[in-house]
Amino acid sequence: MLTDLLLPVLAFGTLLTGVLFALVAQHKTIERMKDPRAPKSTLAADKDSFGTPADV
């Protein structure tokens, strides 16, 4: 009986956690794209490939 309730709760809890994590990451990415002062990635076309990475 406990498994009948526990398994769906854990499954949907994990799914909800993944969706919330993705939404927060998307929001942070969009805000960083809007910021003109944010450092560019070394993969950007107008950034030196041998510079320090933006996240370091």
C-alpha atoms as a PDB file:
ATOM      1  CA  MET A   1       0.000   0.000   0.000  1.00  0.00           C
ATOM      2  CA  LEU A   2       2.811   2.391   0.838  1.00  0.00           C
ATOM      3  CA  THR A   3       4.484   1.728  -2.512  1.00  0.00           C
ATOM      4  CA  ASP A   4       1.284   2.592  -4.376  1.00  0.00           C
ATOM      5  CA  LEU A   5       1.491   6.135  -3.019  1.00  0.00           C
ATOM      6  CA  LEU A   6       5.222   6.604  -2.590  1.00  0.00           C
ATOM      7  CA  LEU A   7       6.326   5.695  -6.112  1.00  0.00           C
ATOM      8  CA  PRO A   8       4.121   8.236  -7.975  1.00  0.00           C
ATOM      9  CA  VAL A   9       4.995  10.966  -5.456  1.00  0.00           C
ATOM     10  CA  LEU A  10       8.720  10.364  -5.945  1.00  0.00           C
ATOM     11  CA  ALA A  11       8.351  10.188  -9.735  1.00  0.00           C
ATOM     12  CA  PHE A  12       6.401  13.437 -10.004  1.00  0.00           C
ATOM     13  CA  GLY A  13       8.636  15.104  -7.428  1.00  0.00           C
ATOM     14  CA  THR A  14      11.697  14.244  -9.495  1.00  0.00           C
ATOM     15  CA  LEU A  15      10.005  15.441 -12.677  1.00  0.00           C
ATOM     16  CA  LEU A  16       8.968  18.713 -11.031  1.00  0.00           C
ATOM     17  CA  THR A  17      12.485  19.264  -9.688  1.00  0.00           C
ATOM     18  CA  GLY A  18      13.968  18.767 -13.163  1.00  0.00           C
ATOM     19  CA  VAL A  19      11.488  21.164 -14.757  1.00  0.00           C
ATOM     20  CA  LEU A  20      12.151  23.834 -12.102  1.00  0.00           C
ATOM     21  CA  PHE A  21      15.909  23.448 -12.555  1.00  0.00           C
ATOM     22  CA  ALA A  22      15.529  23.875 -16.333  1.00  0.00           C
ATOM     23  CA  LEU A  23      13.352  26.977 -15.923  1.00  0.00           C
ATOM     24  CA  VAL A  24      15.825  28.630 -13.544  1.00  0.00           C
ATOM     25  CA  ALA A  25      18.741  27.845 -15.871  1.00  0.00           C
ATOM     26  CA  GLN A  26      16.809  29.236 -18.842  1.00  0.00           C
ATOM     27  CA  HIS A  27      15.988  32.426 -16.961  1.00  0.00           C
ATOM     28  CA  LYS A  28      19.635  32.940 -15.961  1.00  0.00           C
ATOM     29  CA  THR A  29      20.776  32.330 -19.541  1.00  0.00           C
ATOM     30  CA  ILE A  30      18.290  34.815 -21.001  1.00  0.00           C
ATOM     31  CA  GLU A  31      19.264  37.466 -18.446  1.00  0.00           C
ATOM     32  CA  ARG A  32      22.945  36.933 -19.254  1.00  0.00           C
ATOM     33  CA  MET A  33      22.244  37.272 -22.990  1.00  0.00           C
ATOM     34  CA  LYS A  34      20.522  40.625 -22.339  1.00  0.00           C
ATOM     35  CA  ASP A  35      23.446  41.969 -20.301  1.00  0.00           C
ATOM     36  CA  PRO A  36      25.866  43.834 -22.596  1.00  0.00           C
ATOM     37  CA  ARG A  37      28.577  43.782 -19.897  1.00  0.00           C
ATOM     38  CA  ALA A  38      28.587  39.988 -19.521  1.00  0.00           C
ATOM     39  CA  PRO A  39      31.860  38.390 -20.646  1.00  0.00           C
ATOM     40  CA  LYS A  40      31.665  36.565 -23.942  1.00  0.00           C
ATOM     41  CA  SER A  41      32.363  32.887 -24.394  1.00  0.00           C
ATOM     42  CA  THR A  42      35.625  31.831 -26.032  1.00  0.00           C
ATOM     43  CA  LEU A  43      33.414  30.096 -28.612  1.00  0.00           C
ATOM     44  CA  ALA A  44      31.940  33.442 -29.759  1.00  0.00           C
ATOM     45  CA  ALA A  45      33.010  34.610 -33.208  1.00  0.00           C
ATOM     46  CA  ASP A  46      34.235  37.998 -31.928  1.00  0.00           C
ATOM     47  CA  LYS A  47      36.197  36.668 -28.919  1.00  0.00           C
ATOM     48  CA  ASP A  48      39.784  35.429 -28.833  1.00  0.00           C
ATOM     49  CA  SER A  49      39.857  31.637 -28.684  1.00  0.00           C
ATOM     50  CA  PHE A  50      42.915  31.668 -26.426  1.00  0.00           C
ATOM     51  CA  GLY A  51      41.446  33.969 -23.756  1.00  0.00           C
ATOM     52  CA  THR A  52      40.189  32.919 -20.363  1.00  0.00           C
ATOM     53  CA  PRO A  53      36.743  31.306 -20.317  1.00  0.00           C
ATOM     54  CA  ALA A  54      33.835  33.502 -19.237  1.00  0.00           C
ATOM     55  CA  ASP A  55      32.889  31.311 -16.280  1.00  0.00           C
ATOM     56  CA  VAL A  56      36.332  31.202 -14.657  1.00  0.00           C
END
